[in-house]
Protein backbone atom coordinates (compact mmCIF):
# COMPACT_ATOMS: atom_id res chain seq x y z
CA MET A 1 148.94 9.16 193.52
CA ASN A 2 150.70 10.19 190.10
CA ILE A 3 150.02 14.20 189.82
CA ASP A 4 151.46 14.27 186.12
CA THR A 5 148.11 11.91 185.12
CA LEU A 6 145.64 13.22 187.34
CA PRO A 7 143.00 10.35 188.05
CA PRO A 8 140.23 12.04 185.75
CA GLY A 9 137.09 10.31 186.90
CA PRO A 10 134.57 10.90 190.14
CA ALA A 11 135.64 9.62 193.51
CA LEU A 12 133.91 6.31 193.74
CA ALA A 13 134.60 5.29 190.39
CA GLY A 14 135.56 1.64 189.91
CA ARG A 15 133.38 1.31 192.92
CA HIS A 16 130.54 -1.24 193.37
CA LEU A 17 128.45 -0.61 196.14
CA LEU A 18 125.43 -2.61 197.43
CA LEU A 19 122.82 -0.78 198.60
CA GLY A 20 120.31 -2.05 201.28
CA VAL A 21 117.16 -0.37 201.51
CA THR A 22 114.90 -1.32 205.12
CA GLY A 23 111.37 -0.54 205.03
CA GLY A 24 111.13 3.34 206.56
CA VAL A 25 109.34 6.23 204.88
CA ALA A 26 112.45 7.70 204.59
CA GLY A 27 113.25 5.08 201.61
CA PHE A 28 111.83 7.57 198.57
CA LYS A 29 115.15 9.73 199.79
CA VAL A 30 117.41 6.33 198.79
CA ALA A 31 116.29 6.74 194.95
CA GLU A 32 118.22 10.10 195.13
CA LEU A 33 120.97 8.44 197.00
CA ALA A 34 121.12 5.98 194.10
CA ARG A 35 121.28 8.29 191.39
CA GLU A 36 124.13 10.42 193.56
CA LEU A 37 126.12 7.51 193.92
CA GLN A 38 126.09 6.59 190.38
CA ARG A 39 127.17 10.23 189.31
CA GLN A 40 129.89 10.05 191.56
CA GLY A 41 130.72 6.76 189.22
CA ALA A 42 129.99 4.00 191.36
CA THR A 43 128.04 0.80 189.98
CA VAL A 44 124.99 0.50 192.75
CA GLN A 45 123.00 -2.97 193.41
CA VAL A 46 120.06 -2.45 195.38
CA VAL A 47 118.85 -5.45 197.86
CA MET A 48 115.46 -4.50 199.15
CA THR A 49 114.12 -6.10 202.33
CA GLU A 50 110.28 -7.26 202.21
CA ALA A 51 108.96 -4.02 204.41
CA ALA A 52 111.29 -1.31 202.18
CA THR A 53 108.99 -2.60 199.25
CA ARG A 54 105.84 -1.15 200.92
CA PHE A 55 107.17 1.98 201.12
CA VAL A 56 109.31 2.35 197.47
CA THR A 57 108.94 -0.29 194.27
CA PRO A 58 111.68 -2.66 193.05
CA VAL A 59 111.06 -1.26 189.77
CA THR A 60 111.81 2.30 190.80
CA PHE A 61 115.27 1.20 191.79
CA GLN A 62 116.05 -1.08 188.72
CA ALA A 63 115.15 1.95 186.35
CA LEU A 64 117.51 3.82 188.28
CA THR A 65 120.51 1.84 188.58
CA GLY A 66 119.84 -0.29 185.32
CA ARG A 67 120.18 -3.79 187.56
CA PRO A 68 117.95 -6.12 188.99
CA VAL A 69 116.58 -5.59 192.38
CA PHE A 70 117.25 -8.25 194.56
CA THR A 71 114.26 -8.77 197.18
CA ASP A 72 114.42 -12.51 198.28
CA GLN A 73 117.08 -15.29 199.65
CA TRP A 74 115.76 -17.67 197.51
CA ASP A 75 116.44 -16.06 193.91
CA ALA A 76 116.87 -18.22 191.48
CA ARG A 77 118.48 -15.64 189.25
CA ILE A 78 121.47 -16.55 190.99
CA ASP A 79 122.85 -19.65 189.52
CA ASP A 80 123.92 -21.41 192.81
CA ASN A 81 120.65 -19.91 194.61
CA MET A 82 123.19 -17.91 197.24
CA ALA A 83 122.14 -14.22 196.96
CA HIS A 84 123.69 -13.30 199.99
CA ILE A 85 127.03 -14.87 199.41
CA ALA A 86 127.64 -13.94 195.11
CA LEU A 87 126.16 -10.42 195.42
CA SER A 88 128.25 -9.22 199.12
CA ARG A 89 131.93 -10.91 197.20
CA GLU A 90 131.48 -8.47 194.57
CA ALA A 91 131.03 -5.23 196.27
CA ASP A 92 133.44 -2.79 197.81
CA ALA A 93 130.80 -1.54 200.43
CA MET A 94 127.09 -2.17 201.60
CA ILE A 95 125.03 0.80 202.60
CA ILE A 96 122.42 0.29 204.74
CA ALA A 97 119.60 3.27 203.95
CA PRO A 98 117.36 3.73 205.29
CA ALA A 99 118.82 1.53 208.88
CA SER A 100 115.25 0.99 210.44
CA ALA A 101 115.76 0.18 214.15
CA ASP A 102 114.43 -3.55 213.55
CA PHE A 103 117.17 -3.76 210.97
CA LEU A 104 119.96 -2.77 213.55
CA ALA A 105 118.96 -4.67 216.18
CA LYS A 106 119.02 -7.63 213.61
CA LEU A 107 122.73 -6.78 212.80
CA ALA A 108 123.50 -6.49 216.32
CA HIS A 109 122.75 -9.63 216.87
CA GLY A 110 123.43 -11.20 214.17
CA LEU A 111 120.21 -12.08 212.80
CA ALA A 112 119.60 -13.64 209.64
CA ASP A 113 116.15 -14.21 208.26
CA ASP A 114 116.27 -12.96 205.25
CA LEU A 115 118.58 -11.75 202.00
CA LEU A 116 119.13 -7.94 203.06
CA SER A 117 120.11 -9.49 206.61
CA THR A 118 122.14 -13.00 205.26
CA MET A 119 124.21 -10.63 203.34
CA CYS A 120 125.61 -8.51 206.36
CA VAL A 121 126.30 -11.66 208.19
CA ALA A 122 127.94 -12.84 205.56
CA ARG A 123 129.96 -9.74 204.15
CA GLU A 124 133.53 -9.46 203.66
CA CYS A 125 133.32 -5.18 202.59
CA PRO A 126 132.97 -3.14 204.90
CA LEU A 127 129.39 -2.15 206.44
CA LEU A 128 127.68 1.63 206.50
CA VAL A 129 124.55 2.47 207.82
CA ALA A 130 122.13 5.47 207.66
CA PRO A 131 119.78 5.35 210.58
CA ALA A 132 116.23 6.35 210.05
CA MET A 133 113.47 6.62 212.64
CA ASN A 134 111.26 8.22 215.51
CA ARG A 135 113.06 10.08 218.30
CA GLN A 136 112.02 7.93 220.51
CA MET A 137 112.77 4.46 218.87
CA TRP A 138 116.39 6.38 218.52
CA GLY A 139 116.78 7.43 221.90
CA ASN A 140 115.74 4.18 223.79
CA PRO A 141 117.82 2.13 225.27
CA ALA A 142 117.57 -1.12 223.70
CA THR A 143 118.68 0.90 220.15
CA ARG A 144 121.02 2.80 221.83
CA ARG A 145 123.25 -0.68 223.06
CA ASN A 146 122.41 -1.55 219.81
CA VAL A 147 124.18 1.07 218.37
CA GLU A 148 127.24 0.56 220.37
CA LEU A 149 127.51 -3.04 219.57
CA LEU A 150 127.26 -2.06 216.11
CA ARG A 151 130.46 0.23 216.49
CA ALA A 152 132.58 -1.87 218.26
CA ASP A 153 132.14 -5.08 215.85
CA GLY A 154 133.45 -1.95 213.04
CA VAL A 155 130.33 -0.49 211.63
CA THR A 156 130.18 2.92 210.52
CA PHE A 157 127.48 5.12 211.01
CA LEU A 158 126.52 8.04 208.65
CA GLY A 159 124.12 9.99 210.91
CA PRO A 160 121.26 9.98 211.61
CA THR A 161 120.43 13.75 212.39
CA SER A 162 117.88 15.80 214.15
CA GLY A 163 115.34 17.36 212.50
CA ASP A 164 111.68 17.03 211.56
CA GLN A 165 110.44 13.59 211.28
CA ALA A 166 107.49 11.46 209.41
CA CYS A 167 105.49 11.39 212.24
CA GLY A 168 105.08 15.20 212.71
CA GLU A 169 107.99 15.43 215.86
CA THR A 170 111.26 16.83 215.82
CA GLY A 171 114.34 15.43 217.08
CA MET A 172 117.39 12.75 216.32
CA GLY A 173 116.43 10.13 213.72
CA ARG A 174 115.76 11.74 210.55
CA MET A 175 117.90 10.53 208.25
CA LEU A 176 120.89 12.44 206.12
CA GLU A 177 120.04 14.20 202.82
CA PRO A 178 120.97 11.81 199.83
CA ASP A 179 124.05 14.51 198.71
CA GLU A 180 125.61 14.16 202.67
CA LEU A 181 125.19 10.52 202.51
CA ALA A 182 127.00 10.26 199.14
CA GLU A 183 129.86 12.79 200.60
CA LEU A 184 130.19 11.09 203.33
CA THR A 185 130.41 7.65 201.43
CA VAL A 186 133.31 9.48 199.49
CA ALA A 187 134.82 10.65 202.23
CA PHE A 188 135.08 6.94 203.60
CA PHE A 189 137.14 5.64 200.82
CA ALA A 190 139.81 8.81 200.46
CA PRO A 191 143.02 7.24 201.67
CA LYS A 192 143.25 9.17 205.48
CA HIS A 193 147.13 10.91 204.80
CA LEU A 194 145.69 13.45 207.45
CA ARG A 195 144.58 11.58 210.35
CA GLY A 196 145.37 13.21 213.46
CA GLN A 197 146.16 16.79 211.70
CA ARG A 198 143.95 19.82 212.33
CA VAL A 199 143.75 22.03 209.28
CA LEU A 200 143.06 25.54 209.53
CA LEU A 201 142.03 27.20 205.73
CA THR A 202 140.75 30.43 204.09
CA ALA A 203 138.79 30.68 201.47
CA GLY A 204 136.86 33.13 199.21
CA PRO A 205 137.28 36.80 198.27
CA THR A 206 137.27 39.58 201.11
CA PHE A 207 134.70 42.55 200.27
CA GLU A 208 135.84 46.08 201.81
CA PRO A 209 133.32 48.57 201.99
CA ILE A 210 133.59 51.95 200.37
CA ASP A 211 129.88 52.93 202.27
CA PRO A 212 127.19 50.88 203.38
CA VAL A 213 126.20 49.83 199.45
CA ARG A 214 129.65 49.77 197.67
CA GLY A 215 132.40 48.46 198.50
CA ILE A 216 136.40 46.59 197.02
CA THR A 217 136.46 42.82 196.03
CA ASN A 218 138.12 40.06 193.51
CA LEU A 219 136.51 37.53 191.39
CA SER A 220 137.08 34.20 193.61
CA SER A 221 134.62 31.58 193.41
CA GLY A 222 135.69 29.91 196.82
CA LYS A 223 135.72 26.76 194.94
CA MET A 224 139.30 25.60 195.38
CA GLY A 225 139.59 26.53 198.56
CA PHE A 226 136.27 24.35 199.77
CA ALA A 227 137.56 21.83 197.64
CA ILE A 228 140.70 21.66 199.54
CA ALA A 229 138.96 21.94 203.28
CA ARG A 230 136.55 19.35 201.42
CA ALA A 231 139.74 16.78 200.78
CA CYS A 232 141.40 17.58 204.60
CA ARG A 233 137.96 16.15 205.65
CA HIS A 234 138.04 13.31 203.64
CA ALA A 235 142.38 12.41 204.49
CA GLY A 236 140.90 12.68 207.68
CA ALA A 237 142.08 16.15 208.92
CA ASP A 238 139.55 18.20 211.55
CA VAL A 239 139.24 21.27 209.60
CA THR A 240 138.17 25.03 210.24
CA LEU A 241 137.55 26.90 207.08
CA VAL A 242 137.31 30.44 207.04
CA ALA A 243 135.60 31.96 204.26
CA GLY A 244 134.78 34.76 202.84
CA PRO A 245 131.59 36.31 200.91
CA THR A 246 130.24 32.81 199.08
CA THR A 247 127.26 30.79 198.53
CA LEU A 248 129.16 27.69 198.41
CA PRO A 249 127.80 24.76 200.82
CA THR A 250 129.97 23.97 203.46
CA PRO A 251 131.56 20.78 203.31
CA ALA A 252 130.49 17.58 205.41
CA GLY A 253 132.42 17.56 207.84
CA VAL A 254 133.97 21.04 208.26
CA GLU A 255 133.60 23.91 210.93
CA ARG A 256 132.77 27.05 208.97
CA ILE A 257 133.14 30.63 210.57
CA ASP A 258 131.74 33.48 207.91
CA VAL A 259 133.93 36.59 207.31
CA ARG A 260 133.77 39.56 205.20
CA THR A 261 137.21 41.94 205.50
CA ALA A 262 140.22 40.94 205.60
CA GLN A 263 140.71 42.03 208.66
CA GLN A 264 138.15 39.82 209.77
CA MET A 265 139.82 37.09 208.44
CA HIS A 266 142.74 37.85 209.87
CA ASP A 267 141.03 38.13 213.23
CA ALA A 268 139.40 35.14 212.88
CA VAL A 269 142.33 32.85 211.98
CA MET A 270 144.63 34.53 214.89
CA GLY A 271 141.15 33.48 216.88
CA ALA A 272 140.99 30.04 215.52
CA LEU A 273 145.13 29.54 216.24
CA ASP A 274 144.54 31.49 220.04
CA ALA A 275 141.89 29.25 220.67
CA PRO A 276 142.33 26.57 223.56
CA GLY A 277 143.01 22.76 223.02
CA PRO A 278 144.52 21.46 220.63
CA ARG A 279 146.62 23.53 218.18
CA HIS A 280 146.04 23.68 214.00
CA THR A 281 149.18 21.28 212.50
CA ILE A 282 148.59 22.99 208.77
CA PHE A 283 147.42 26.26 208.00
CA ILE A 284 146.06 26.57 204.31
CA ALA A 285 145.99 30.38 203.08
CA VAL A 286 143.80 29.82 199.53
CA ALA A 287 141.31 33.09 199.78
CA ALA A 288 141.90 35.93 197.64
CA VAL A 289 142.50 38.45 200.11
CA ALA A 290 142.60 42.82 199.17
CA ASP A 291 145.71 43.70 199.95
CA TRP A 292 144.03 47.43 200.67
CA ARG A 293 140.78 48.82 202.28
CA VAL A 294 139.65 51.99 202.29
CA ALA A 295 140.64 53.80 205.01
CA ASN A 296 137.75 57.09 204.66
CA TYR A 297 134.95 54.78 204.73
CA SER A 298 131.81 56.80 204.49
CA ALA A 299 128.90 55.51 207.29
CA SER A 300 126.12 56.93 204.27
CA LYS A 301 126.03 56.37 200.95
CA ILE A 302 128.32 58.74 198.75
CA LYS A 303 126.08 60.75 196.73
CA LYS A 304 126.70 61.87 192.80
CA THR A 305 127.30 65.78 193.41
CA GLY A 306 125.67 66.64 189.80
CA ASP A 307 128.86 67.60 188.76
CA ASP A 308 132.11 66.16 187.35
CA SER A 309 133.84 65.93 190.66
CA LEU A 310 134.43 61.73 191.80
CA PRO A 311 135.05 61.12 195.37
CA GLU A 312 138.46 61.09 196.99
CA LEU A 313 139.27 57.23 198.29
CA ARG A 314 141.93 57.10 200.65
CA PHE A 315 143.69 53.16 201.13
CA ALA A 316 145.17 51.27 203.53
CA GLN A 317 147.14 48.39 203.54
CA ASN A 318 145.18 44.84 205.52
CA PRO A 319 147.04 42.60 207.32
CA ASP A 320 149.04 39.77 205.66
CA ILE A 321 147.51 36.80 207.36
CA LEU A 322 150.01 33.83 205.52
CA ALA A 323 152.99 36.17 207.22
CA SER A 324 151.66 36.92 210.15
CA VAL A 325 150.63 33.25 211.36
CA ALA A 326 153.71 32.07 209.35
CA ARG A 327 156.32 34.34 211.92
CA ARG A 328 154.58 33.07 214.70
CA PRO A 329 156.79 30.88 217.09
CA ASP A 330 154.06 27.92 217.06
CA ALA A 331 153.06 28.69 213.73
CA PRO A 332 151.45 25.48 212.05
CA TRP A 333 152.86 23.90 208.73
CA CYS A 334 152.31 26.86 206.27
CA VAL A 335 150.94 26.73 202.71
CA GLY A 336 149.93 30.20 200.75
CA PHE A 337 148.35 30.91 197.64
CA ALA A 338 149.29 33.15 194.52
CA ALA A 339 147.53 33.95 191.85
CA GLU A 340 150.07 36.24 189.16
CA SER A 341 149.02 37.44 185.62
CA ASP A 342 152.72 37.15 184.55
CA ASP A 343 155.96 35.65 185.25
CA LEU A 344 154.42 33.13 187.48
CA GLU A 345 157.12 30.87 188.06
CA LYS A 346 159.82 33.69 189.39
CA ASN A 347 157.34 35.77 191.41
CA GLY A 348 155.76 32.75 192.67
CA GLN A 349 159.00 31.64 194.27
CA ASP A 350 159.65 35.04 194.94
CA LYS A 351 156.42 35.25 197.39
CA ARG A 352 157.44 32.00 198.86
CA ARG A 353 160.54 33.08 200.37
CA ARG A 354 159.06 36.31 201.36
CA LYS A 355 156.79 35.22 202.99
CA ASN A 356 158.81 32.43 204.70
CA VAL A 357 156.50 29.23 203.91
CA PRO A 358 157.79 25.78 203.29
CA LEU A 359 155.46 25.25 199.82
CA LEU A 360 153.51 28.00 198.09
CA VAL A 361 150.55 26.83 195.53
CA ALA A 362 150.79 28.99 192.15
CA ASN A 363 147.11 29.06 190.09
CA ILE A 364 148.67 28.88 186.27
CA GLY A 365 146.37 31.79 184.38
CA HIS A 366 145.04 34.56 186.06
CA ALA A 367 141.52 33.83 184.51
CA THR A 368 140.67 30.80 187.45
CA PHE A 369 137.94 32.26 189.25
CA GLY A 370 135.17 30.88 188.98
CA ARG A 371 136.04 27.81 187.08
CA ASP A 372 135.53 24.50 188.03
CA ASP A 373 138.52 23.40 187.20
CA ASN A 374 142.40 24.33 187.21
CA GLU A 375 146.02 24.11 186.24
CA LEU A 376 148.87 24.81 189.61
CA LEU A 377 152.10 24.72 190.19
CA LEU A 378 153.71 23.71 193.16
CA ILE A 379 156.61 25.82 194.19
CA ASP A 380 158.73 24.43 197.50
CA ALA A 381 162.82 25.20 197.84
CA ASP A 382 163.75 22.03 195.77
CA GLY A 383 162.31 23.64 192.63
CA ILE A 384 158.36 23.50 190.98
CA ARG A 385 155.99 21.17 190.27
CA LYS A 386 153.41 20.73 187.55
CA LEU A 387 149.85 19.56 188.48
CA PRO A 388 148.49 19.27 185.52
CA ARG A 389 145.07 20.48 184.51
CA ALA A 390 142.14 18.87 186.16
CA GLY A 391 138.80 19.24 188.08
CA LYS A 392 139.50 21.48 191.47
CA ASP A 393 138.19 18.31 193.81
CA VAL A 394 141.08 16.39 191.60
CA LEU A 395 143.42 18.78 191.75
CA ALA A 396 142.80 19.20 195.94
CA ALA A 397 143.12 15.52 196.75
CA ALA A 398 146.76 15.42 194.88
CA LEU A 399 147.70 18.63 196.88
CA VAL A 400 146.53 16.89 199.98
CA GLU A 401 148.82 13.93 199.28
CA GLU A 402 151.65 15.97 198.57
CA ILE A 403 151.62 18.06 201.78
CA ALA A 404 151.05 14.71 203.98
CA ALA A 405 154.06 13.56 201.90
CA ARG A 406 156.11 16.93 202.51
CA MET A 407 155.02 16.99 206.76
CA SER A 408 155.85 13.24 206.70
CA GLY A 409 159.59 13.86 205.31
CA ALA A 410 159.46 11.59 202.72
CA GLY A 411 159.59 14.34 200.33
CA ARG A 412 158.90 14.55 196.46
CA PRO A 413 161.18 14.28 193.28
CA VAL A 414 160.98 17.29 191.76
CA THR A 415 162.39 18.83 188.40
CA ALA A 416 163.60 22.06 188.16
CA GLY A 417 161.58 24.60 186.02
CA ARG A 418 158.65 21.60 185.65
């Protein structure tokens, strides 16, 4: 990726997807999936089985995608009457949603008795399936065998999950929600620069209580940190996100630990690093952590006195999470973030040396909290490089690529001062 000209478009821009719909009550959700894939930049061609048309009409999908829907293997709209070849050759991937138990069985055994199943057998592109069925059907030994056969054949499964089902029962077999399916589709296409890495990341603000109803915090929304967590997951890493107070949804596939104060964030980070199992290889400190906490916290609400006297607050310094991680003998590869109000380059380089980290990312301008876009400076021992203004998701993907290049030893050419 040329970081001087970051891609401005959505994640699936330029992708053409075949969306196969089979018979199931979850088919009504696929209309929203078609819209979400298009919002992500993809063009979508819908192909339906005859059973699918009993749940949702082709007109619905034609209206949503602006493309005619194909249902018939002998559709004369294709010049050579070979829709199963012509349609599949144009696609970057095929997504089957909902994928019924019957259709999974067809796929597993190479049956091709209608347009959609024939396309799957004749395809040259990747195949992703989003199963949806009753819990007993999902757990049936025949279905389990079919799933294993398909996985061995390289088919990617998107779900299912456990939850309420149309039959009134609860259990495994529920189709993922449209936004989750779209997110996993984006992740499927992302380059796996961090495959095999384990990333620990902090995001959002912290909140330092004064009394039970008041506290000191900042304007951080957590958007940049959550975007980086998402990008790391898309790049193939296992990701643990330690999040301060924020209402942002957890990125798909990311483990989240919620905290409130700087001390709690410090303890959660150290606990994750000390946990048994494979070690974390990358630490990214994006959170806007309070430097100080109120030392004389009041267990009850501080009342006005009726005169002009003010409460006296005493402060204590919070632990420096980034520096604490960087000085560990088993320290992961560390990335720090800096939000400076002035002299960004000098203060950023000074902070990088003081924290003893290989890479520091500085926000350009101090009014970035809560925005959906940003500009960043990448500061390392070789100099400074600018990531131009772009959406935070785009910047996060570029940053992940930069981290992967540095860890691999490939490095990046830099120009001093920019």
